[in-house]
C-alpha atoms as a PDB file:
ATOM      1  CA  MET A   1     -29.161   1.037 -14.875  1.00  0.00           C
ATOM      2  CA  GLU A   2     -25.643   1.777 -15.371  1.00  0.00           C
ATOM      3  CA  ASP A   3     -23.148  -0.556 -13.574  1.00  0.00           C
ATOM      4  CA  ASP A   4     -21.262   1.181 -10.864  1.00  0.00           C
ATOM      5  CA  LEU A   5     -17.827   0.434 -12.355  1.00  0.00           C
ATOM      6  CA  LEU A   6     -18.734   1.670 -15.671  1.00  0.00           C
ATOM      7  CA  LEU A   7     -20.339   4.787 -13.957  1.00  0.00           C
ATOM      8  CA  ALA A   8     -17.029   5.432 -12.053  1.00  0.00           C
ATOM      9  CA  ARG A   9     -15.041   5.006 -15.449  1.00  0.00           C
ATOM     10  CA  ARG A  10     -17.513   7.567 -17.224  1.00  0.00           C
ATOM     11  CA  ALA A  11     -17.236   9.823 -14.329  1.00  0.00           C
ATOM     12  CA  ALA A  12     -13.280   9.820 -14.348  1.00  0.00           C
ATOM     13  CA  LEU A  13     -13.247  10.179 -18.096  1.00  0.00           C
ATOM     14  CA  THR A  14     -15.564  13.186 -18.069  1.00  0.00           C
ATOM     15  CA  GLY A  15     -13.593  14.859 -15.518  1.00  0.00           C
ATOM     16  CA  ALA A  16     -10.469  13.984 -17.399  1.00  0.00           C
ATOM     17  CA  ALA A  17     -11.794  15.863 -20.455  1.00  0.00           C
ATOM     18  CA  VAL A  18     -12.282  19.013 -18.386  1.00  0.00           C
ATOM     19  CA  ALA A  19      -8.759  18.808 -16.804  1.00  0.00           C
ATOM     20  CA  LEU A  20      -7.169  18.395 -20.178  1.00  0.00           C
ATOM     21  CA  ARG A  21      -8.846  21.644 -21.514  1.00  0.00           C
ATOM     22  CA  TYR A  22      -6.797  23.552 -18.687  1.00  0.00           C
ATOM     23  CA  VAL A  23      -3.692  21.865 -19.492  1.00  0.00           C
ATOM     24  CA  ALA A  24      -3.632  23.828 -22.852  1.00  0.00           C
ATOM     25  CA  ASP A  25      -3.499  27.177 -21.005  1.00  0.00           C
ATOM     26  CA  LEU A  26      -1.510  26.308 -17.623  1.00  0.00           C
ATOM     27  CA  GLY A  27       0.348  29.611 -17.819  1.00  0.00           C
ATOM     28  CA  ARG A  28      -2.934  31.566 -17.182  1.00  0.00           C
ATOM     29  CA  LEU A  29      -4.276  29.219 -14.440  1.00  0.00           C
ATOM     30  CA  ASP A  30      -4.340  30.915 -10.961  1.00  0.00           C
ATOM     31  CA  ARG A  31      -2.661  28.652  -8.058  1.00  0.00           C
ATOM     32  CA  GLU A  32      -3.983  29.143  -4.501  1.00  0.00           C
ATOM     33  CA  ARG A  33      -2.686  27.415  -1.277  1.00  0.00           C
ATOM     34  CA  LYS A  34      -4.806  25.710   1.074  1.00  0.00           C
ATOM     35  CA  ALA A  35      -4.381  25.535   4.922  1.00  0.00           C
ATOM     36  CA  ASP A  36      -2.452  22.293   4.736  1.00  0.00           C
ATOM     37  CA  GLY A  37      -0.016  23.811   2.042  1.00  0.00           C
ATOM     38  CA  SER A  38      -1.209  21.886  -0.999  1.00  0.00           C
ATOM     39  CA  VAL A  39      -1.971  23.617  -4.215  1.00  0.00           C
ATOM     40  CA  VAL A  40      -5.662  24.026  -5.550  1.00  0.00           C
ATOM     41  CA  THR A  41      -6.659  25.497  -8.796  1.00  0.00           C
ATOM     42  CA  GLU A  42      -9.810  26.309 -10.706  1.00  0.00           C
ATOM     43  CA  ALA A  43      -9.113  23.112 -12.651  1.00  0.00           C
ATOM     44  CA  ASP A  44      -9.443  21.130  -9.519  1.00  0.00           C
ATOM     45  CA  ARG A  45     -12.723  22.619  -8.788  1.00  0.00           C
ATOM     46  CA  ALA A  46     -14.208  22.502 -12.231  1.00  0.00           C
ATOM     47  CA  VAL A  47     -13.256  18.745 -12.578  1.00  0.00           C
ATOM     48  CA  GLU A  48     -14.804  17.829  -9.213  1.00  0.00           C
ATOM     49  CA  ALA A  49     -17.966  19.657 -10.266  1.00  0.00           C
ATOM     50  CA  THR A  50     -18.104  17.828 -13.382  1.00  0.00           C
ATOM     51  CA  ILE A  51     -17.575  14.242 -11.793  1.00  0.00           C
ATOM     52  CA  ARG A  52     -20.253  15.200  -9.174  1.00  0.00           C
ATOM     53  CA  GLU A  53     -22.738  16.111 -11.730  1.00  0.00           C
ATOM     54  CA  VAL A  54     -22.235  12.744 -13.420  1.00  0.00           C
ATOM     55  CA  LEU A  55     -22.433  10.671 -10.269  1.00  0.00           C
ATOM     56  CA  ALA A  56     -25.405  12.684  -8.786  1.00  0.00           C
ATOM     57  CA  GLY A  57     -27.172  12.386 -12.057  1.00  0.00           C
ATOM     58  CA  ALA A  58     -27.056   8.448 -12.039  1.00  0.00           C
ATOM     59  CA  ARG A  59     -27.064   7.759  -8.172  1.00  0.00           C
ATOM     60  CA  PRO A  60     -28.941  10.694  -6.480  1.00  0.00           C
ATOM     61  CA  ASP A  61     -29.295   8.726  -3.377  1.00  0.00           C
ATOM     62  CA  ASP A  62     -25.660   8.369  -2.880  1.00  0.00           C
ATOM     63  CA  ALA A  63     -23.353  10.446  -0.808  1.00  0.00           C
ATOM     64  CA  ILE A  64     -20.330  11.975  -2.585  1.00  0.00           C
ATOM     65  CA  LEU A  65     -17.122  12.916  -0.651  1.00  0.00           C
ATOM     66  CA  GLY A  66     -14.705  15.165  -2.780  1.00  0.00           C
ATOM     67  CA  GLU A  67     -11.255  16.831  -1.895  1.00  0.00           C
ATOM     68  CA  GLU A  68     -12.399  20.363  -2.861  1.00  0.00           C
ATOM     69  CA  VAL A  69     -16.168  20.285  -1.721  1.00  0.00           C
ATOM     70  CA  GLY A  70     -16.083  17.918   1.294  1.00  0.00           C
ATOM     71  CA  GLN A  71     -19.043  15.365   1.703  1.00  0.00           C
ATOM     72  CA  THR A  72     -22.527  16.018   0.508  1.00  0.00           C
ATOM     73  CA  GLY A  73     -25.341  13.518   1.612  1.00  0.00           C
ATOM     74  CA  ARG A  74     -25.278  10.730   4.038  1.00  0.00           C
ATOM     75  CA  ALA A  75     -25.761   7.253   2.829  1.00  0.00           C
ATOM     76  CA  ALA A  76     -24.287   3.704   3.116  1.00  0.00           C
ATOM     77  CA  ARG A  77     -22.969   4.031  -0.386  1.00  0.00           C
ATOM     78  CA  ARG A  78     -20.444   6.954  -0.693  1.00  0.00           C
ATOM     79  CA  TRP A  79     -18.431   8.176  -3.838  1.00  0.00           C
ATOM     80  CA  ILE A  80     -14.884   9.370  -3.141  1.00  0.00           C
ATOM     81  CA  VAL A  81     -13.285  11.598  -5.688  1.00  0.00           C
ATOM     82  CA  ASP A  82      -9.927  13.326  -5.973  1.00  0.00           C
ATOM     83  CA  PRO A  83     -10.451  15.418  -9.217  1.00  0.00           C
ATOM     84  CA  ILE A  84      -6.657  15.981  -9.758  1.00  0.00           C
ATOM     85  CA  ASP A  85      -4.381  14.037  -7.713  1.00  0.00           C
ATOM     86  CA  GLY A  86      -1.142  15.372  -7.991  1.00  0.00           C
ATOM     87  CA  THR A  87      -1.997  19.200  -8.569  1.00  0.00           C
ATOM     88  CA  ALA A  88       1.596  20.217  -8.068  1.00  0.00           C
ATOM     89  CA  GLN A  89       2.587  18.095 -11.034  1.00  0.00           C
ATOM     90  CA  PHE A  90      -0.634  19.144 -13.139  1.00  0.00           C
ATOM     91  CA  VAL A  91       0.155  22.990 -12.908  1.00  0.00           C
ATOM     92  CA  ALA A  92       3.868  22.099 -13.658  1.00  0.00           C
ATOM     93  CA  GLY A  93       3.065  20.570 -16.841  1.00  0.00           C
ATOM     94  CA  ASP A  94       4.148  17.123 -15.565  1.00  0.00           C
ATOM     95  CA  ASP A  95       1.907  14.199 -16.839  1.00  0.00           C
ATOM     96  CA  ARG A  96       1.837  12.124 -13.717  1.00  0.00           C
ATOM     97  CA  TRP A  97      -1.360  13.486 -12.229  1.00  0.00           C
ATOM     98  CA  GLN A  98      -4.520  11.546 -12.099  1.00  0.00           C
ATOM     99  CA  VAL A  99      -8.342  11.738 -11.581  1.00  0.00           C
ATOM    100  CA  LEU A 100      -9.483   9.373  -9.027  1.00  0.00           C
ATOM    101  CA  VAL A 101     -13.075   7.943  -8.115  1.00  0.00           C
ATOM    102  CA  ALA A 102     -13.842   5.254  -5.965  1.00  0.00           C
ATOM    103  CA  LEU A 103     -17.137   3.782  -4.541  1.00  0.00           C
ATOM    104  CA  GLU A 104     -17.218   2.864  -0.831  1.00  0.00           C
ATOM    105  CA  GLU A 105     -20.152   0.628   0.458  1.00  0.00           C
ATOM    106  CA  ALA A 106     -20.585  -0.126   4.236  1.00  0.00           C
ATOM    107  CA  GLY A 107     -16.867   0.987   4.897  1.00  0.00           C
ATOM    108  CA  GLU A 108     -15.209  -0.861   2.216  1.00  0.00           C
ATOM    109  CA  ILE A 109     -14.059   0.273  -1.061  1.00  0.00           C
ATOM    110  CA  VAL A 110     -15.743  -1.719  -3.779  1.00  0.00           C
ATOM    111  CA  VAL A 111     -14.749  -0.029  -6.928  1.00  0.00           C
ATOM    112  CA  GLY A 112     -11.789   2.116  -7.820  1.00  0.00           C
ATOM    113  CA  VAL A 113     -10.845   4.032 -11.020  1.00  0.00           C
ATOM    114  CA  ALA A 114      -7.470   5.804 -11.753  1.00  0.00           C
ATOM    115  CA  ALA A 115      -7.494   7.772 -14.938  1.00  0.00           C
ATOM    116  CA  LEU A 116      -4.110   9.301 -16.165  1.00  0.00           C
ATOM    117  CA  PRO A 117      -5.483  11.615 -18.956  1.00  0.00           C
ATOM    118  CA  ALA A 118      -2.212  13.190 -20.001  1.00  0.00           C
ATOM    119  CA  GLN A 119      -0.729   9.436 -20.501  1.00  0.00           C
ATOM    120  CA  ARG A 120      -3.851   8.192 -22.027  1.00  0.00           C
ATOM    121  CA  THR A 121      -4.250   5.343 -19.672  1.00  0.00           C
ATOM    122  CA  ILE A 122      -6.945   4.223 -17.130  1.00  0.00           C
ATOM    123  CA  TRP A 123      -6.679   1.661 -14.514  1.00  0.00           C
ATOM    124  CA  TRP A 124      -9.692   0.193 -12.423  1.00  0.00           C
ATOM    125  CA  ALA A 125     -10.675  -2.622 -10.074  1.00  0.00           C
ATOM    126  CA  ARG A 126     -13.693  -4.092  -8.803  1.00  0.00           C
ATOM    127  CA  ARG A 127     -13.634  -5.907  -5.293  1.00  0.00           C
ATOM    128  CA  GLY A 128     -13.397  -9.703  -5.985  1.00  0.00           C
ATOM    129  CA  ALA A 129     -13.188  -9.136  -9.681  1.00  0.00           C
ATOM    130  CA  GLY A 130      -9.555  -8.049 -10.439  1.00  0.00           C
ATOM    131  CA  ALA A 131      -7.671  -5.178 -11.548  1.00  0.00           C
ATOM    132  CA  TYR A 132      -7.125  -3.912 -15.055  1.00  0.00           C
ATOM    133  CA  GLN A 133      -5.405  -1.392 -17.131  1.00  0.00           C
ATOM    134  CA  ALA A 134      -6.216   0.165 -20.768  1.00  0.00           C
ATOM    135  CA  GLU A 135      -5.831   3.051 -23.050  1.00  0.00           C
ATOM    136  CA  ILE A 136      -7.980   5.959 -23.361  1.00  0.00           C
ATOM    137  CA  SER A 137      -8.990   6.920 -26.942  1.00  0.00           C
ATOM    138  CA  GLY A 138     -11.300  10.054 -26.730  1.00  0.00           C
ATOM    139  CA  THR A 139     -14.028   8.820 -24.452  1.00  0.00           C
ATOM    140  CA  GLU A 140     -13.442   5.129 -25.292  1.00  0.00           C
ATOM    141  CA  VAL A 141     -11.467   2.467 -23.381  1.00  0.00           C
ATOM    142  CA  THR A 142      -9.525   0.033 -25.495  1.00  0.00           C
ATOM    143  CA  GLY A 143      -6.884  -2.664 -24.984  1.00  0.00           C
ATOM    144  CA  GLU A 144      -8.070  -3.920 -21.653  1.00  0.00           C
ATOM    145  CA  ARG A 145      -5.528  -6.224 -19.843  1.00  0.00           C
ATOM    146  CA  LEU A 146      -5.535  -7.932 -16.511  1.00  0.00           C
ATOM    147  CA  LEU A 147      -3.048  -6.654 -13.854  1.00  0.00           C
ATOM    148  CA  ARG A 148      -0.864  -9.037 -11.946  1.00  0.00           C
ATOM    149  CA  SER A 149       1.447  -7.855  -9.204  1.00  0.00           C
ATOM    150  CA  GLY A 150       3.696 -10.682  -9.192  1.00  0.00           C
ATOM    151  CA  GLY A 151       2.107 -13.869  -7.299  1.00  0.00           C
ATOM    152  CA  SER A 152       2.449 -15.122  -3.706  1.00  0.00           C
ATOM    153  CA  GLY A 153       6.008 -13.769  -3.251  1.00  0.00           C
ATOM    154  CA  ALA A 154       6.739 -15.845  -0.153  1.00  0.00           C
ATOM    155  CA  ALA A 155      10.431 -15.732  -0.623  1.00  0.00           C
ATOM    156  CA  ASP A 156      10.851 -12.352  -1.810  1.00  0.00           C
ATOM    157  CA  PRO A 157      13.442 -10.689  -0.134  1.00  0.00           C
ATOM    158  CA  LEU A 158      13.170  -7.059   1.254  1.00  0.00           C
ATOM    159  CA  PRO A 159      16.793  -5.973   0.707  1.00  0.00           C
ATOM    160  CA  GLY A 160      17.069  -4.681  -2.782  1.00  0.00           C
ATOM    161  CA  SER A 161      13.345  -4.355  -3.329  1.00  0.00           C
ATOM    162  CA  ARG A 162      12.509  -1.500  -5.823  1.00  0.00           C
ATOM    163  CA  LEU A 163      10.883   1.309  -3.846  1.00  0.00           C
ATOM    164  CA  GLY A 164       8.926   4.242  -5.272  1.00  0.00           C
ATOM    165  CA  VAL A 165       8.052   7.308  -3.038  1.00  0.00           C
ATOM    166  CA  VAL A 166       5.283   9.590  -3.636  1.00  0.00           C
ATOM    167  CA  PRO A 167       5.149  12.609  -3.754  1.00  0.00           C
ATOM    168  CA  PRO A 168       8.303  13.182  -6.237  1.00  0.00           C
ATOM    169  CA  ASP A 169      11.550  13.326  -3.956  1.00  0.00           C
ATOM    170  CA  GLU A 170      11.780  17.259  -4.168  1.00  0.00           C
ATOM    171  CA  GLN A 171       8.369  17.320  -2.477  1.00  0.00           C
ATOM    172  CA  VAL A 172       8.919  15.157   0.369  1.00  0.00           C
ATOM    173  CA  TYR A 173       9.310  16.800   3.594  1.00  0.00           C
ATOM    174  CA  PRO A 174      12.257  16.249   5.990  1.00  0.00           C
ATOM    175  CA  ALA A 175      10.115  14.775   8.768  1.00  0.00           C
ATOM    176  CA  GLU A 176       8.770  12.481   6.100  1.00  0.00           C
ATOM    177  CA  ARG A 177      12.398  11.523   4.947  1.00  0.00           C
ATOM    178  CA  GLU A 178      13.222  10.544   8.440  1.00  0.00           C
ATOM    179  CA  MET A 179       9.908   8.461   8.803  1.00  0.00           C
ATOM    180  CA  ILE A 180      10.628   6.256   5.792  1.00  0.00           C
ATOM    181  CA  ALA A 181      14.454   6.125   6.334  1.00  0.00           C
ATOM    182  CA  PRO A 182      14.538   2.658   7.571  1.00  0.00           C
ATOM    183  CA  LEU A 183      12.764   1.450   4.490  1.00  0.00           C
ATOM    184  CA  ARG A 184      15.049   3.377   2.247  1.00  0.00           C
ATOM    185  CA  ALA A 185      18.192   1.838   3.950  1.00  0.00           C
ATOM    186  CA  VAL A 186      17.333  -1.542   2.714  1.00  0.00           C
ATOM    187  CA  THR A 187      15.709  -1.032  -0.677  1.00  0.00           C
ATOM    188  CA  THR A 188      16.678   0.335  -4.005  1.00  0.00           C
ATOM    189  CA  PRO A 189      15.078   3.696  -5.105  1.00  0.00           C
ATOM    190  CA  ALA A 190      13.230   3.716  -8.280  1.00  0.00           C
ATOM    191  CA  SER A 191      11.909   6.586 -10.165  1.00  0.00           C
ATOM    192  CA  TRP A 192       8.267   6.409 -11.525  1.00  0.00           C
ATOM    193  CA  ARG A 193       6.667   7.844 -14.563  1.00  0.00           C
ATOM    194  CA  THR A 194       3.095   6.579 -13.719  1.00  0.00           C
ATOM    195  CA  HIS A 195       1.989   6.620  -9.942  1.00  0.00           C
ATOM    196  CA  ALA A 196       4.186   4.265  -7.953  1.00  0.00           C
ATOM    197  CA  ALA A 197       1.265   2.482  -6.492  1.00  0.00           C
ATOM    198  CA  LEU A 198      -0.075   1.558 -10.007  1.00  0.00           C
ATOM    199  CA  LEU A 199       3.303   0.386 -10.920  1.00  0.00           C
ATOM    200  CA  VAL A 200       3.213  -2.005  -7.832  1.00  0.00           C
ATOM    201  CA  ALA A 201      -0.004  -3.134  -9.226  1.00  0.00           C
ATOM    202  CA  ARG A 202       1.635  -4.042 -12.654  1.00  0.00           C
ATOM    203  CA  GLY A 203       4.582  -5.657 -10.880  1.00  0.00           C
ATOM    204  CA  GLU A 204       7.085  -2.929 -12.115  1.00  0.00           C
ATOM    205  CA  LEU A 205       7.886  -1.980  -8.521  1.00  0.00           C
ATOM    206  CA  ASP A 206       7.934  -3.997  -5.329  1.00  0.00           C
ATOM    207  CA  LEU A 207       7.027  -1.221  -3.003  1.00  0.00           C
ATOM    208  CA  ALA A 208       5.372   2.263  -2.946  1.00  0.00           C
ATOM    209  CA  VAL A 209       5.274   4.629  -0.059  1.00  0.00           C
ATOM    210  CA  GLN A 210       2.820   7.592  -0.206  1.00  0.00           C
ATOM    211  CA  THR A 211       4.037   9.807   2.617  1.00  0.00           C
ATOM    212  CA  ARG A 212       0.866  11.816   3.141  1.00  0.00           C
ATOM    213  CA  GLY A 213      -2.689  11.844   1.891  1.00  0.00           C
ATOM    214  CA  GLN A 214      -6.340  11.639   2.583  1.00  0.00           C
ATOM    215  CA  VAL A 215      -8.998   8.778   2.013  1.00  0.00           C
ATOM    216  CA  TRP A 216      -9.474  10.216  -1.640  1.00  0.00           C
ATOM    217  CA  ASP A 217      -5.772   9.748  -2.352  1.00  0.00           C
ATOM    218  CA  PHE A 218      -5.876   6.098  -1.510  1.00  0.00           C
ATOM    219  CA  ALA A 219      -9.396   4.794  -2.182  1.00  0.00           C
ATOM    220  CA  ALA A 220      -8.899   3.914  -5.643  1.00  0.00           C
ATOM    221  CA  THR A 221      -5.264   2.986  -5.728  1.00  0.00           C
ATOM    222  CA  SER A 222      -5.652   0.835  -2.592  1.00  0.00           C
ATOM    223  CA  LEU A 223      -8.241  -1.305  -4.215  1.00  0.00           C
ATOM    224  CA  ILE A 224      -6.347  -1.607  -7.708  1.00  0.00           C
ATOM    225  CA  VAL A 225      -3.252  -2.925  -5.830  1.00  0.00           C
ATOM    226  CA  THR A 226      -5.205  -5.325  -3.780  1.00  0.00           C
ATOM    227  CA  GLU A 227      -7.115  -6.786  -6.673  1.00  0.00           C
ATOM    228  CA  ALA A 228      -3.911  -7.009  -8.606  1.00  0.00           C
ATOM    229  CA  GLY A 229      -2.703  -9.564  -5.919  1.00  0.00           C
ATOM    230  CA  GLY A 230      -0.703  -6.857  -3.743  1.00  0.00           C
ATOM    231  CA  ARG A 231      -1.387  -5.503  -0.301  1.00  0.00           C
ATOM    232  CA  TYR A 232      -2.314  -1.899   0.818  1.00  0.00           C
ATOM    233  CA  SER A 233      -2.107  -0.466   4.412  1.00  0.00           C
ATOM    234  CA  GLY A 234      -1.487   2.544   6.560  1.00  0.00           C
ATOM    235  CA  PHE A 235       1.960   2.614   8.284  1.00  0.00           C
ATOM    236  CA  ASP A 236       0.087   1.522  11.270  1.00  0.00           C
ATOM    237  CA  GLY A 237      -1.213  -1.743   9.665  1.00  0.00           C
ATOM    238  CA  ARG A 238      -4.849  -0.448   8.946  1.00  0.00           C
ATOM    239  CA  SER A 239      -6.262  -1.996   5.890  1.00  0.00           C
ATOM    240  CA  ARG A 240      -8.832   0.753   5.143  1.00  0.00           C
ATOM    241  CA  PRO A 241      -7.692   4.120   3.212  1.00  0.00           C
ATOM    242  CA  ALA A 242      -7.461   6.885   5.675  1.00  0.00           C
ATOM    243  CA  ALA A 243      -5.524  10.114   6.439  1.00  0.00           C
ATOM    244  CA  GLY A 244      -1.771   9.467   6.820  1.00  0.00           C
ATOM    245  CA  PRO A 245       1.284   7.623   5.108  1.00  0.00           C
ATOM    246  CA  SER A 246       0.501   4.529   3.244  1.00  0.00           C
ATOM    247  CA  LEU A 247       2.250   1.613   2.039  1.00  0.00           C
ATOM    248  CA  PHE A 248       1.556  -0.570  -1.342  1.00  0.00           C
ATOM    249  CA  ALA A 249       3.501  -3.814  -1.734  1.00  0.00           C
ATOM    250  CA  ARG A 250       3.641  -6.188  -4.743  1.00  0.00           C
ATOM    251  CA  THR A 251       3.092  -9.285  -2.232  1.00  0.00           C
ATOM    252  CA  PRO A 252       1.712  -9.710   1.273  1.00  0.00           C
ATOM    253  CA  ALA A 253       5.201 -11.073   2.250  1.00  0.00           C
ATOM    254  CA  LEU A 254       6.905  -7.859   1.169  1.00  0.00           C
ATOM    255  CA  HIS A 255       4.141  -5.721   2.657  1.00  0.00           C
ATOM    256  CA  ASP A 256       4.802  -7.408   6.146  1.00  0.00           C
ATOM    257  CA  ALA A 257       8.445  -7.117   5.821  1.00  0.00           C
ATOM    258  CA  ALA A 258       8.408  -3.531   4.980  1.00  0.00           C
ATOM    259  CA  LEU A 259       6.219  -2.801   7.857  1.00  0.00           C
ATOM    260  CA  ARG A 260       8.474  -4.445  10.271  1.00  0.00           C
ATOM    261  CA  GLN A 261      11.252  -2.536   8.826  1.00  0.00           C
ATOM    262  CA  LEU A 262       9.379   0.811   9.388  1.00  0.00           C
ATOM    263  CA  GLY A 263       8.843  -0.267  12.915  1.00  0.00           C
ATOM    264  CA  GLY A 264       5.556   1.419  13.169  1.00  0.00           C
ATOM    265  CA  ALA A 265       6.907   4.638  12.087  1.00  0.00           C
ATOM    266  CA  GLY A 266       3.482   5.846  10.812  1.00  0.00           C
ATOM    267  CA  ARG A 267       3.414   9.207  12.292  1.00  0.00           C
ATOM    268  CA  PRO A 268       1.837  11.834  10.137  1.00  0.00           C
ATOM    269  CA  GLY A 269       4.353  14.369   8.648  1.00  0.00           C
ATOM    270  CA  PRO A 270       4.002  17.968   8.829  1.00  0.00           C
ATOM    271  CA  ALA A 271       1.085  18.104   6.567  1.00  0.00           C
ATOM    272  CA  THR A 272      -1.287  15.377   5.637  1.00  0.00           C
ATOM    273  CA  GLY A 273      -2.863  17.064   2.698  1.00  0.00           C
ATOM    274  CA  SER A 274      -2.783  15.567  -0.888  1.00  0.00           C
ATOM    275  CA  ALA A 275       0.654  14.570  -2.139  1.00  0.00           C
END
């Protein structure tokens, strides 16, 4: 039987291929607004349907939670899917969107995959087995390398730390700007060409904040960061992915310092949909 991680990678890459077909004709792609204000398209639905088909075909007894369809099935094992994370970037022709697939068992994320099809990279982690990055070549994965966020970092100072904020600055709501202002006041803003949480896992950013999202936005990236040696939590300190703002840190010490600086400011912004 196919390994869970290999299945998650295959599902993500199969969905990525579908998404890329829509990229070729974005001008004709209809956009809709969900109740939470986020954008959804036919591409989102088609990618999720494809990923669901792959997962259900291999694991028919597992539950699946997806952003567009919701949850199907009830089981101790649950696949969590964000078919196009960053739809606003996707429809704008920005290459920073992702396809996210994760597996949750008994409430813990045990496998996480983030494919960036337009950048031809894929990132993944298995609980207890590390985090990795590789290149996408068609349906193959090549050049696998281990990710390290940067060691214990016991002496890493918070002031001057490189901070990436998701979504891109122009999409951050005023209430969210106020929420993260204490952290921004002591850190150095950093732009990101790959999702900021993944750059934390690679040690290129010290901190990343995602101002809003649901469990499918964080399930895969939270595991990738923690397996690379970093730390993930909600602004309220919870370690499991859930709705609301989230914090990713290169080291546990930076994570704890950033949470203290935020002062428990983890109030949801005006919208808690996908970033």
